[in-house]
Amino acid sequence: MTKHKIHCPFSSAQMQQFVSVAINAAKQAGEYIAAYPREQLKVEHKSQDLSLSAQVVTEVDRHCERMILNTLKPISQLHQLATLAEENTEGFDLEQHPRFHCEAFWAIDPLDGTLPFIEGSDGYAISIALVNKAGQALLGLCYLPFSDTLYHSYFNPDSQQYTSFKQQLTFKQKKPSKLKDIDSTLLNFYCDRSSLKLPYFEQLKQQLEQLAKRLGYSKLQVLSSAGAVVNACSVISEPDALYLKLAKRTQGGGSIWDFAASASIAQGCDVWVSDSNGHALELNNPSSFMNLKGILFASNSSLAKQVLALELNQQFSDV
């Protein structure tokens, strides 16, 4: 993954102010989510063309989005920031979105993992990111209400580096695993629930199992119960894990608001993040969907390069 120069139109002090406001917004929404009686949820459905997880929406999603937008509104107006939020884009022509004409925009998912939330399980999170016009994440915040875990990151224009935090404690830089030293450990493969239904999934799994064996892992463990944000945060937190979505023609594959925040956090703690071909994520594309390029998070660059060497898109993608 080639690193590109980050364009940040804001000062370090302004970036820290953005972080503070975003944390406040996420915590307010998180408190509401944590206290909501899930047995009283009323579930609505959006487009039938998307996966089940992308179809479902609740009053909690909509109320949390309003809370977040209201908290961000003053600073957004002050700095003329656009907003791309999951629930306020229905029926909107995203190719004409004001984010293409602003220096930066908020990318917000008020409740990623709505399906696990409805089912009463973990795997849901709040995601808030600030993305520049070039599609680079400048700031990321992921809040997991079920565990009261807060991840956040911001790009510091003074140091030209990302700084990432977890539960207000600075991440310890993770050193890439020495593959020859790995012994009797699991390689965790995070994927979306919908991935299990892909016609090539078993073949993909077999290839990753073979890779895990070659690298000295005892087993490949498939984990598919959580939403995109929790999957990405799990890879960020673990020494031996990956989250993969291959490219496909049909719309889906998650959206900008699913990956912008975790991409920023990953860059601040030496976790690999790229599209499924190893290129930088394009976080300001016209459709907002990530299906044409896919997604790869890996605990370190050594593991990511081994996965990319399999050329899985060439074998299974229809793009």
C-alpha atoms as a PDB file:
ATOM      1  CA  MET A   1       0.000   0.000   0.000  1.00  0.00           C
ATOM      2  CA  THR A   2       1.629   3.192  -1.185  1.00  0.00           C
ATOM      3  CA  LYS A   3       1.309   6.084   1.236  1.00  0.00           C
ATOM      4  CA  HIS A   4       0.269   9.388  -0.287  1.00  0.00           C
ATOM      5  CA  LYS A   5       0.741  12.888   1.043  1.00  0.00           C
ATOM      6  CA  ILE A   6      -2.329  13.890   3.062  1.00  0.00           C
ATOM      7  CA  HIS A   7      -3.958  17.211   2.256  1.00  0.00           C
ATOM      8  CA  CYS A   8      -5.251  18.761   5.464  1.00  0.00           C
ATOM      9  CA  PRO A   9      -6.791  22.243   5.139  1.00  0.00           C
ATOM     10  CA  PHE A  10      -7.029  22.629   8.929  1.00  0.00           C
ATOM     11  CA  SER A  11      -4.587  23.397  11.736  1.00  0.00           C
ATOM     12  CA  SER A  12      -3.652  20.934  14.444  1.00  0.00           C
ATOM     13  CA  ALA A  13      -5.739  22.905  16.961  1.00  0.00           C
ATOM     14  CA  GLN A  14      -8.757  22.767  14.653  1.00  0.00           C
ATOM     15  CA  MET A  15      -8.334  19.023  14.141  1.00  0.00           C
ATOM     16  CA  GLN A  16      -8.289  18.475  17.892  1.00  0.00           C
ATOM     17  CA  GLN A  17     -11.427  20.592  18.193  1.00  0.00           C
ATOM     18  CA  PHE A  18     -13.143  18.445  15.555  1.00  0.00           C
ATOM     19  CA  VAL A  19     -12.159  15.340  17.513  1.00  0.00           C
ATOM     20  CA  SER A  20     -13.578  16.736  20.738  1.00  0.00           C
ATOM     21  CA  VAL A  21     -16.924  17.609  19.154  1.00  0.00           C
ATOM     22  CA  ALA A  22     -17.145  14.231  17.396  1.00  0.00           C
ATOM     23  CA  ILE A  23     -16.454  12.374  20.662  1.00  0.00           C
ATOM     24  CA  ASN A  24     -19.209  14.349  22.364  1.00  0.00           C
ATOM     25  CA  ALA A  25     -21.632  13.508  19.552  1.00  0.00           C
ATOM     26  CA  ALA A  26     -20.781   9.810  19.610  1.00  0.00           C
ATOM     27  CA  LYS A  27     -21.063   9.510  23.381  1.00  0.00           C
ATOM     28  CA  GLN A  28     -24.494  11.142  23.406  1.00  0.00           C
ATOM     29  CA  ALA A  29     -25.716   8.765  20.720  1.00  0.00           C
ATOM     30  CA  GLY A  30     -24.029   5.823  22.449  1.00  0.00           C
ATOM     31  CA  GLU A  31     -25.788   6.523  25.742  1.00  0.00           C
ATOM     32  CA  TYR A  32     -29.109   6.596  23.912  1.00  0.00           C
ATOM     33  CA  ILE A  33     -28.364   3.290  22.143  1.00  0.00           C
ATOM     34  CA  ALA A  34     -27.182   1.551  25.312  1.00  0.00           C
ATOM     35  CA  ALA A  35     -30.324   2.546  27.207  1.00  0.00           C
ATOM     36  CA  TYR A  36     -32.816   1.732  24.447  1.00  0.00           C
ATOM     37  CA  PRO A  37     -35.069  -1.299  25.163  1.00  0.00           C
ATOM     38  CA  ARG A  38     -34.349  -3.435  22.127  1.00  0.00           C
ATOM     39  CA  GLU A  39     -37.447  -5.554  22.640  1.00  0.00           C
ATOM     40  CA  GLN A  40     -39.498  -2.493  21.657  1.00  0.00           C
ATOM     41  CA  LEU A  41     -37.709  -1.900  18.356  1.00  0.00           C
ATOM     42  CA  LYS A  42     -39.725  -1.287  15.204  1.00  0.00           C
ATOM     43  CA  VAL A  43     -37.832  -2.325  12.098  1.00  0.00           C
ATOM     44  CA  GLU A  44     -38.173  -0.683   8.688  1.00  0.00           C
ATOM     45  CA  HIS A  45     -36.716  -1.857   5.369  1.00  0.00           C
ATOM     46  CA  LYS A  46     -34.927   0.189   2.718  1.00  0.00           C
ATOM     47  CA  SER A  47     -33.895  -0.914  -0.800  1.00  0.00           C
ATOM     48  CA  GLN A  48     -34.415  -4.602  -1.513  1.00  0.00           C
ATOM     49  CA  ASP A  49     -31.398  -4.514  -3.854  1.00  0.00           C
ATOM     50  CA  LEU A  50     -28.981  -4.468  -0.919  1.00  0.00           C
ATOM     51  CA  SER A  51     -27.988  -7.127   1.600  1.00  0.00           C
ATOM     52  CA  LEU A  52     -30.257  -7.688   4.589  1.00  0.00           C
ATOM     53  CA  SER A  53     -27.880  -5.825   6.885  1.00  0.00           C
ATOM     54  CA  ALA A  54     -28.042  -2.789   4.576  1.00  0.00           C
ATOM     55  CA  GLN A  55     -31.832  -2.977   4.218  1.00  0.00           C
ATOM     56  CA  VAL A  56     -32.846  -2.742   7.857  1.00  0.00           C
ATOM     57  CA  VAL A  57     -33.204   0.541   9.726  1.00  0.00           C
ATOM     58  CA  THR A  58     -34.826   1.482  13.028  1.00  0.00           C
ATOM     59  CA  GLU A  59     -35.977   4.580  14.825  1.00  0.00           C
ATOM     60  CA  VAL A  60     -32.738   4.292  16.825  1.00  0.00           C
ATOM     61  CA  ASP A  61     -30.649   4.781  13.657  1.00  0.00           C
ATOM     62  CA  ARG A  62     -32.657   7.853  12.689  1.00  0.00           C
ATOM     63  CA  HIS A  63     -32.725   9.403  16.171  1.00  0.00           C
ATOM     64  CA  CYS A  64     -28.981   8.872  16.687  1.00  0.00           C
ATOM     65  CA  GLU A  65     -28.238  10.480  13.348  1.00  0.00           C
ATOM     66  CA  ARG A  66     -30.279  13.553  14.311  1.00  0.00           C
ATOM     67  CA  MET A  67     -28.413  13.764  17.636  1.00  0.00           C
ATOM     68  CA  ILE A  68     -25.037  13.552  15.928  1.00  0.00           C
ATOM     69  CA  LEU A  69     -25.917  16.053  13.207  1.00  0.00           C
ATOM     70  CA  ASN A  70     -27.249  18.554  15.741  1.00  0.00           C
ATOM     71  CA  THR A  71     -24.035  18.318  17.777  1.00  0.00           C
ATOM     72  CA  LEU A  72     -21.848  18.743  14.698  1.00  0.00           C
ATOM     73  CA  LYS A  73     -23.951  21.502  13.128  1.00  0.00           C
ATOM     74  CA  PRO A  74     -22.254  24.581  14.702  1.00  0.00           C
ATOM     75  CA  ILE A  75     -18.711  23.500  13.823  1.00  0.00           C
ATOM     76  CA  SER A  76     -19.866  22.311  10.387  1.00  0.00           C
ATOM     77  CA  GLN A  77     -21.378  25.715   9.619  1.00  0.00           C
ATOM     78  CA  LEU A  78     -18.301  27.529  10.932  1.00  0.00           C
ATOM     79  CA  HIS A  79     -15.946  25.587   8.655  1.00  0.00           C
ATOM     80  CA  GLN A  80     -18.406  24.975   5.789  1.00  0.00           C
ATOM     81  CA  LEU A  81     -18.245  21.190   6.084  1.00  0.00           C
ATOM     82  CA  ALA A  82     -20.606  18.976   4.099  1.00  0.00           C
ATOM     83  CA  THR A  83     -22.282  15.919   5.625  1.00  0.00           C
ATOM     84  CA  LEU A  84     -22.672  12.421   4.202  1.00  0.00           C
ATOM     85  CA  ALA A  85     -24.759  10.391   6.654  1.00  0.00           C
ATOM     86  CA  GLU A  86     -26.323   7.009   6.024  1.00  0.00           C
ATOM     87  CA  GLU A  87     -29.934   7.777   6.867  1.00  0.00           C
ATOM     88  CA  ASN A  88     -30.118  11.225   5.235  1.00  0.00           C
ATOM     89  CA  THR A  89     -28.965  10.025   1.824  1.00  0.00           C
ATOM     90  CA  GLU A  90     -32.101   8.061   0.920  1.00  0.00           C
ATOM     91  CA  GLY A  91     -33.487   9.390  -2.357  1.00  0.00           C
ATOM     92  CA  PHE A  92     -30.519  11.771  -2.740  1.00  0.00           C
ATOM     93  CA  ASP A  93     -28.444  11.912  -5.940  1.00  0.00           C
ATOM     94  CA  LEU A  94     -25.052  11.248  -4.371  1.00  0.00           C
ATOM     95  CA  GLU A  95     -23.241  12.253  -7.564  1.00  0.00           C
ATOM     96  CA  GLN A  96     -24.507  15.800  -6.912  1.00  0.00           C
ATOM     97  CA  HIS A  97     -23.653  15.791  -3.205  1.00  0.00           C
ATOM     98  CA  PRO A  98     -22.114  19.038  -1.807  1.00  0.00           C
ATOM     99  CA  ARG A  99     -19.123  17.064  -0.464  1.00  0.00           C
ATOM    100  CA  PHE A 100     -17.532  17.400  -3.909  1.00  0.00           C
ATOM    101  CA  HIS A 101     -17.413  21.179  -3.510  1.00  0.00           C
ATOM    102  CA  CYS A 102     -16.247  21.469   0.123  1.00  0.00           C
ATOM    103  CA  GLU A 103     -12.758  21.178   1.582  1.00  0.00           C
ATOM    104  CA  ALA A 104     -13.980  18.331   3.786  1.00  0.00           C
ATOM    105  CA  PHE A 105     -17.120  16.466   4.841  1.00  0.00           C
ATOM    106  CA  TRP A 106     -18.396  14.364   7.703  1.00  0.00           C
ATOM    107  CA  ALA A 107     -19.054  10.678   6.912  1.00  0.00           C
ATOM    108  CA  ILE A 108     -21.446   9.333   9.544  1.00  0.00           C
ATOM    109  CA  ASP A 109     -22.986   5.968  10.309  1.00  0.00           C
ATOM    110  CA  PRO A 110     -25.143   6.500  13.405  1.00  0.00           C
ATOM    111  CA  LEU A 111     -25.575   2.770  14.019  1.00  0.00           C
ATOM    112  CA  ASP A 112     -23.440   0.416  11.984  1.00  0.00           C
ATOM    113  CA  GLY A 113     -24.430  -3.195  12.585  1.00  0.00           C
ATOM    114  CA  THR A 114     -28.160  -2.534  12.851  1.00  0.00           C
ATOM    115  CA  LEU A 115     -28.872  -6.239  12.298  1.00  0.00           C
ATOM    116  CA  PRO A 116     -26.845  -7.422  15.341  1.00  0.00           C
ATOM    117  CA  PHE A 117     -28.448  -4.603  17.337  1.00  0.00           C
ATOM    118  CA  ILE A 118     -31.947  -5.785  16.358  1.00  0.00           C
ATOM    119  CA  GLU A 119     -31.051  -9.373  17.226  1.00  0.00           C
ATOM    120  CA  GLY A 120     -29.891  -8.354  20.692  1.00  0.00           C
ATOM    121  CA  SER A 121     -26.233  -9.199  20.154  1.00  0.00           C
ATOM    122  CA  ASP A 122     -23.003  -7.195  20.071  1.00  0.00           C
ATOM    123  CA  GLY A 123     -21.385  -6.106  16.833  1.00  0.00           C
ATOM    124  CA  TYR A 124     -22.809  -2.598  16.435  1.00  0.00           C
ATOM    125  CA  ALA A 125     -21.057   0.762  16.627  1.00  0.00           C
ATOM    126  CA  ILE A 126     -21.193   4.481  15.902  1.00  0.00           C
ATOM    127  CA  SER A 127     -18.836   5.769  13.213  1.00  0.00           C
ATOM    128  CA  ILE A 128     -17.912   9.410  12.547  1.00  0.00           C
ATOM    129  CA  ALA A 129     -15.170  10.529  10.164  1.00  0.00           C
ATOM    130  CA  LEU A 130     -13.938  13.726   8.572  1.00  0.00           C
ATOM    131  CA  VAL A 131     -12.822  13.201   4.968  1.00  0.00           C
ATOM    132  CA  ASN A 132     -11.121  15.684   2.646  1.00  0.00           C
ATOM    133  CA  LYS A 133     -12.207  16.386  -0.938  1.00  0.00           C
ATOM    134  CA  ALA A 134      -9.510  14.015  -2.213  1.00  0.00           C
ATOM    135  CA  GLY A 135     -11.128  11.128  -0.342  1.00  0.00           C
ATOM    136  CA  GLN A 136      -8.576  10.852   2.481  1.00  0.00           C
ATOM    137  CA  ALA A 137      -9.798  10.363   6.052  1.00  0.00           C
ATOM    138  CA  LEU A 138      -8.532  13.160   8.311  1.00  0.00           C
ATOM    139  CA  LEU A 139     -10.300  12.079  11.469  1.00  0.00           C
ATOM    140  CA  GLY A 140     -11.992   8.905  12.623  1.00  0.00           C
ATOM    141  CA  LEU A 141     -14.046   7.930  15.627  1.00  0.00           C
ATOM    142  CA  CYS A 142     -15.607   4.537  16.333  1.00  0.00           C
ATOM    143  CA  TYR A 143     -17.610   4.089  19.517  1.00  0.00           C
ATOM    144  CA  LEU A 144     -18.779   0.620  20.614  1.00  0.00           C
ATOM    145  CA  PRO A 145     -21.568   1.192  23.172  1.00  0.00           C
ATOM    146  CA  PHE A 146     -21.855  -2.479  24.168  1.00  0.00           C
ATOM    147  CA  SER A 147     -18.287  -2.471  25.528  1.00  0.00           C
ATOM    148  CA  ASP A 148     -17.969   1.286  26.112  1.00  0.00           C
ATOM    149  CA  THR A 149     -14.902   1.269  23.908  1.00  0.00           C
ATOM    150  CA  LEU A 150     -13.865   4.420  22.090  1.00  0.00           C
ATOM    151  CA  TYR A 151     -11.377   4.484  19.237  1.00  0.00           C
ATOM    152  CA  HIS A 152     -10.390   7.757  17.648  1.00  0.00           C
ATOM    153  CA  SER A 153      -7.714   9.167  15.408  1.00  0.00           C
ATOM    154  CA  TYR A 154      -6.782  12.398  13.687  1.00  0.00           C
ATOM    155  CA  PHE A 155      -4.197  13.597  11.205  1.00  0.00           C
ATOM    156  CA  ASN A 156      -1.803  16.123  12.696  1.00  0.00           C
ATOM    157  CA  PRO A 157      -0.690  18.551   9.957  1.00  0.00           C
ATOM    158  CA  ASP A 158       2.300  19.655  12.073  1.00  0.00           C
ATOM    159  CA  SER A 159       3.832  16.178  12.364  1.00  0.00           C
ATOM    160  CA  GLN A 160       2.268  14.885   9.114  1.00  0.00           C
ATOM    161  CA  GLN A 161       1.191  11.769  11.019  1.00  0.00           C
ATOM    162  CA  TYR A 162      -1.967  10.139  12.300  1.00  0.00           C
ATOM    163  CA  THR A 163      -2.367   9.798  16.053  1.00  0.00           C
ATOM    164  CA  SER A 164      -4.731   7.069  17.266  1.00  0.00           C
ATOM    165  CA  PHE A 165      -6.232   6.382  20.676  1.00  0.00           C
ATOM    166  CA  LYS A 166      -8.287   3.655  22.335  1.00  0.00           C
ATOM    167  CA  GLN A 167     -10.252   4.386  25.524  1.00  0.00           C
ATOM    168  CA  GLN A 168      -8.278   7.636  25.777  1.00  0.00           C
ATOM    169  CA  LEU A 169      -5.009   5.663  25.930  1.00  0.00           C
ATOM    170  CA  THR A 170      -2.470   5.967  23.137  1.00  0.00           C
ATOM    171  CA  PHE A 171      -2.138   2.849  21.027  1.00  0.00           C
ATOM    172  CA  LYS A 172       1.091   0.976  21.432  1.00  0.00           C
ATOM    173  CA  GLN A 173       2.684   0.647  18.031  1.00  0.00           C
ATOM    174  CA  LYS A 174       2.288  -2.922  16.848  1.00  0.00           C
ATOM    175  CA  LYS A 175       5.319  -4.556  15.301  1.00  0.00           C
ATOM    176  CA  PRO A 176       4.674  -6.792  12.296  1.00  0.00           C
ATOM    177  CA  SER A 177       4.569 -10.432  13.327  1.00  0.00           C
ATOM    178  CA  LYS A 178       7.617 -12.515  12.515  1.00  0.00           C
ATOM    179  CA  LEU A 179       5.852 -15.239  10.609  1.00  0.00           C
ATOM    180  CA  LYS A 180       8.416 -17.905  11.490  1.00  0.00           C
ATOM    181  CA  ASP A 181       7.792 -17.249  15.199  1.00  0.00           C
ATOM    182  CA  ILE A 182       4.027 -17.834  15.001  1.00  0.00           C
ATOM    183  CA  ASP A 183       3.094 -21.064  16.725  1.00  0.00           C
ATOM    184  CA  SER A 184      -0.348 -22.545  17.494  1.00  0.00           C
ATOM    185  CA  THR A 185      -2.224 -19.306  17.034  1.00  0.00           C
ATOM    186  CA  LEU A 186      -5.466 -18.544  15.254  1.00  0.00           C
ATOM    187  CA  LEU A 187      -5.759 -16.311  12.227  1.00  0.00           C
ATOM    188  CA  ASN A 188      -9.086 -14.510  12.588  1.00  0.00           C
ATOM    189  CA  PHE A 189     -10.878 -13.841   9.306  1.00  0.00           C
ATOM    190  CA  TYR A 190     -13.600 -11.240   9.780  1.00  0.00           C
ATOM    191  CA  CYS A 191     -16.240 -11.002   7.091  1.00  0.00           C
ATOM    192  CA  ASP A 192     -19.792  -9.770   6.666  1.00  0.00           C
ATOM    193  CA  ARG A 193     -22.684 -12.173   7.134  1.00  0.00           C
ATOM    194  CA  SER A 194     -23.641 -11.706   3.488  1.00  0.00           C
ATOM    195  CA  SER A 195     -20.183 -12.950   2.442  1.00  0.00           C
ATOM    196  CA  LEU A 196     -21.072 -16.447   3.647  1.00  0.00           C
ATOM    197  CA  LYS A 197     -23.676 -16.655   0.856  1.00  0.00           C
ATOM    198  CA  LEU A 198     -21.312 -15.730  -1.967  1.00  0.00           C
ATOM    199  CA  PRO A 199     -20.961 -18.556  -4.517  1.00  0.00           C
ATOM    200  CA  TYR A 200     -17.181 -18.543  -4.166  1.00  0.00           C
ATOM    201  CA  PHE A 201     -16.996 -18.230  -0.381  1.00  0.00           C
ATOM    202  CA  GLU A 202     -15.955 -21.832   0.318  1.00  0.00           C
ATOM    203  CA  GLN A 203     -13.163 -21.598  -2.258  1.00  0.00           C
ATOM    204  CA  LEU A 204     -12.044 -18.287  -0.771  1.00  0.00           C
ATOM    205  CA  LYS A 205     -12.065 -19.795   2.691  1.00  0.00           C
ATOM    206  CA  GLN A 206      -9.994 -22.766   1.511  1.00  0.00           C
ATOM    207  CA  GLN A 207      -7.357 -20.461   0.032  1.00  0.00           C
ATOM    208  CA  LEU A 208      -7.137 -18.478   3.262  1.00  0.00           C
ATOM    209  CA  GLU A 209      -6.951 -21.710   5.283  1.00  0.00           C
ATOM    210  CA  GLN A 210      -4.033 -22.850   3.145  1.00  0.00           C
ATOM    211  CA  LEU A 211      -2.354 -19.488   3.624  1.00  0.00           C
ATOM    212  CA  ALA A 212      -2.866 -19.674   7.385  1.00  0.00           C
ATOM    213  CA  LYS A 213      -1.267 -23.111   7.438  1.00  0.00           C
ATOM    214  CA  ARG A 214       1.726 -21.938   5.365  1.00  0.00           C
ATOM    215  CA  LEU A 215       2.260 -19.037   7.750  1.00  0.00           C
ATOM    216  CA  GLY A 216       2.268 -21.306  10.790  1.00  0.00           C
ATOM    217  CA  TYR A 217      -1.168 -20.589  12.215  1.00  0.00           C
ATOM    218  CA  SER A 218      -3.027 -23.519  13.753  1.00  0.00           C
ATOM    219  CA  LYS A 219      -6.384 -22.565  12.221  1.00  0.00           C
ATOM    220  CA  LEU A 220      -8.342 -19.972  10.254  1.00  0.00           C
ATOM    221  CA  GLN A 221     -11.286 -18.794  12.329  1.00  0.00           C
ATOM    222  CA  VAL A 222     -14.196 -17.227  10.406  1.00  0.00           C
ATOM    223  CA  LEU A 223     -16.091 -14.521  12.323  1.00  0.00           C
ATOM    224  CA  SER A 224     -19.183 -13.038  10.659  1.00  0.00           C
ATOM    225  CA  SER A 225     -21.552 -11.817  13.348  1.00  0.00           C
ATOM    226  CA  ALA A 226     -20.623  -8.119  13.530  1.00  0.00           C
ATOM    227  CA  GLY A 227     -20.994  -5.028  11.368  1.00  0.00           C
ATOM    228  CA  ALA A 228     -18.237  -3.436   9.305  1.00  0.00           C
ATOM    229  CA  VAL A 229     -17.056  -1.010  11.999  1.00  0.00           C
ATOM    230  CA  VAL A 230     -16.681  -3.654  14.707  1.00  0.00           C
ATOM    231  CA  ASN A 231     -14.957  -5.981  12.222  1.00  0.00           C
ATOM    232  CA  ALA A 232     -12.412  -3.298  11.362  1.00  0.00           C
ATOM    233  CA  CYS A 233     -11.876  -2.349  15.020  1.00  0.00           C
ATOM    234  CA  SER A 234     -11.329  -6.027  15.859  1.00  0.00           C
ATOM    235  CA  VAL A 235      -8.507  -6.216  13.308  1.00  0.00           C
ATOM    236  CA  ILE A 236      -7.046  -2.977  14.692  1.00  0.00           C
ATOM    237  CA  SER A 237      -7.020  -4.484  18.185  1.00  0.00           C
ATOM    238  CA  GLU A 238      -5.679  -7.953  17.363  1.00  0.00           C
ATOM    239  CA  PRO A 239      -2.194  -9.113  16.305  1.00  0.00           C
ATOM    240  CA  ASP A 240      -3.368 -11.786  13.839  1.00  0.00           C
ATOM    241  CA  ALA A 241      -6.520 -10.849  11.951  1.00  0.00           C
ATOM    242  CA  LEU A 242      -7.878  -9.668   8.631  1.00  0.00           C
ATOM    243  CA  TYR A 243     -11.136  -8.256   7.281  1.00  0.00           C
ATOM    244  CA  LEU A 244     -11.705  -8.744   3.571  1.00  0.00           C
ATOM    245  CA  LYS A 245     -14.366  -7.812   1.027  1.00  0.00           C
ATOM    246  CA  LEU A 246     -13.589  -8.547  -2.621  1.00  0.00           C
ATOM    247  CA  ALA A 247     -14.593  -6.306  -5.504  1.00  0.00           C
ATOM    248  CA  LYS A 248     -17.933  -6.867  -7.239  1.00  0.00           C
ATOM    249  CA  ARG A 249     -20.068  -5.137  -9.868  1.00  0.00           C
ATOM    250  CA  THR A 250     -23.333  -4.998  -7.942  1.00  0.00           C
ATOM    251  CA  GLN A 251     -23.786  -2.054  -5.600  1.00  0.00           C
ATOM    252  CA  GLY A 252     -22.961  -2.689  -1.970  1.00  0.00           C
ATOM    253  CA  GLY A 253     -19.739  -3.745  -0.329  1.00  0.00           C
ATOM    254  CA  GLY A 254     -20.285  -1.177   2.383  1.00  0.00           C
ATOM    255  CA  SER A 255     -20.216   2.596   1.962  1.00  0.00           C
ATOM    256  CA  ILE A 256     -17.856   5.441   2.701  1.00  0.00           C
ATOM    257  CA  TRP A 257     -19.376   5.942   6.159  1.00  0.00           C
ATOM    258  CA  ASP A 258     -18.664   2.278   7.034  1.00  0.00           C
ATOM    259  CA  PHE A 259     -14.895   2.528   6.536  1.00  0.00           C
ATOM    260  CA  ALA A 260     -13.712   6.146   6.701  1.00  0.00           C
ATOM    261  CA  ALA A 261     -13.364   6.315  10.487  1.00  0.00           C
ATOM    262  CA  SER A 262     -11.710   2.931  10.959  1.00  0.00           C
ATOM    263  CA  ALA A 263      -9.348   3.669   8.042  1.00  0.00           C
ATOM    264  CA  SER A 264      -8.117   6.777   9.856  1.00  0.00           C
ATOM    265  CA  ILE A 265      -7.653   4.848  13.103  1.00  0.00           C
ATOM    266  CA  ALA A 266      -5.811   2.018  11.345  1.00  0.00           C
ATOM    267  CA  GLN A 267      -3.308   4.424   9.811  1.00  0.00           C
ATOM    268  CA  GLY A 268      -2.468   5.755  13.263  1.00  0.00           C
ATOM    269  CA  CYS A 269      -1.450   2.375  14.658  1.00  0.00           C
ATOM    270  CA  ASP A 270       0.367   0.660  11.779  1.00  0.00           C
ATOM    271  CA  VAL A 271      -2.561  -1.539  10.775  1.00  0.00           C
ATOM    272  CA  TRP A 272      -2.894  -2.178   7.041  1.00  0.00           C
ATOM    273  CA  VAL A 273      -5.910  -0.682   5.289  1.00  0.00           C
ATOM    274  CA  SER A 274      -6.434  -0.619   1.521  1.00  0.00           C
ATOM    275  CA  ASP A 275      -8.818  -1.738  -1.168  1.00  0.00           C
ATOM    276  CA  SER A 276      -8.711  -5.433  -2.044  1.00  0.00           C
ATOM    277  CA  ASN A 277      -5.971  -4.801  -4.618  1.00  0.00           C
ATOM    278  CA  GLY A 278      -3.689  -3.053  -2.140  1.00  0.00           C
ATOM    279  CA  HIS A 279      -4.382   0.523  -3.258  1.00  0.00           C
ATOM    280  CA  ALA A 280      -5.462   3.441  -1.064  1.00  0.00           C
ATOM    281  CA  LEU A 281      -9.187   3.629  -0.295  1.00  0.00           C
ATOM    282  CA  GLU A 282     -11.181   6.121  -2.356  1.00  0.00           C
ATOM    283  CA  LEU A 283     -13.400   7.681   0.294  1.00  0.00           C
ATOM    284  CA  ASN A 284     -15.092  10.270  -1.900  1.00  0.00           C
ATOM    285  CA  ASN A 285     -16.336   8.254  -4.848  1.00  0.00           C
ATOM    286  CA  PRO A 286     -19.585   9.295  -6.595  1.00  0.00           C
ATOM    287  CA  SER A 287     -21.780   6.343  -5.566  1.00  0.00           C
ATOM    288  CA  SER A 288     -20.528   6.122  -1.927  1.00  0.00           C
ATOM    289  CA  PHE A 289     -20.398   2.314  -2.288  1.00  0.00           C
ATOM    290  CA  MET A 290     -17.083   0.465  -2.053  1.00  0.00           C
ATOM    291  CA  ASN A 291     -18.016  -2.562  -4.170  1.00  0.00           C
ATOM    292  CA  LEU A 292     -15.869  -1.782  -7.221  1.00  0.00           C
ATOM    293  CA  LYS A 293     -12.614  -1.897  -5.240  1.00  0.00           C
ATOM    294  CA  GLY A 294     -13.348  -3.940  -2.113  1.00  0.00           C
ATOM    295  CA  ILE A 295     -11.723  -3.613   1.311  1.00  0.00           C
ATOM    296  CA  LEU A 296      -8.752  -5.122   3.146  1.00  0.00           C
ATOM    297  CA  PHE A 297      -7.812  -4.535   6.782  1.00  0.00           C
ATOM    298  CA  ALA A 298      -4.937  -6.620   8.162  1.00  0.00           C
ATOM    299  CA  SER A 299      -3.130  -6.547  11.495  1.00  0.00           C
ATOM    300  CA  ASN A 300       0.173  -5.817   9.779  1.00  0.00           C
ATOM    301  CA  SER A 301       1.680  -5.275   6.346  1.00  0.00           C
ATOM    302  CA  SER A 302       3.354  -8.712   6.272  1.00  0.00           C
ATOM    303  CA  LEU A 303       0.014 -10.468   6.540  1.00  0.00           C
ATOM    304  CA  ALA A 304      -1.648  -8.081   4.088  1.00  0.00           C
ATOM    305  CA  LYS A 305       1.002  -8.678   1.431  1.00  0.00           C
ATOM    306  CA  GLN A 306       0.587 -12.446   1.799  1.00  0.00           C
ATOM    307  CA  VAL A 307      -3.171 -12.082   1.257  1.00  0.00           C
ATOM    308  CA  LEU A 308      -2.716  -9.763  -1.732  1.00  0.00           C
ATOM    309  CA  ALA A 309      -0.256 -12.210  -3.289  1.00  0.00           C
ATOM    310  CA  LEU A 310      -3.110 -14.724  -3.606  1.00  0.00           C
ATOM    311  CA  GLU A 311      -4.686 -12.403  -6.210  1.00  0.00           C
ATOM    312  CA  LEU A 312      -8.153 -13.295  -4.965  1.00  0.00           C
ATOM    313  CA  ASN A 313      -9.910 -10.620  -7.030  1.00  0.00           C
ATOM    314  CA  GLN A 314      -8.529 -12.157 -10.210  1.00  0.00           C
ATOM    315  CA  GLN A 315      -9.963 -15.525  -9.187  1.00  0.00           C
ATOM    316  CA  PHE A 316     -13.340 -14.595  -7.776  1.00  0.00           C
ATOM    317  CA  SER A 317     -14.289 -10.990  -8.599  1.00  0.00           C
ATOM    318  CA  ASP A 318     -16.703 -10.201 -11.436  1.00  0.00           C
ATOM    319  CA  VAL A 319     -15.289  -6.684 -11.902  1.00  0.00           C
END
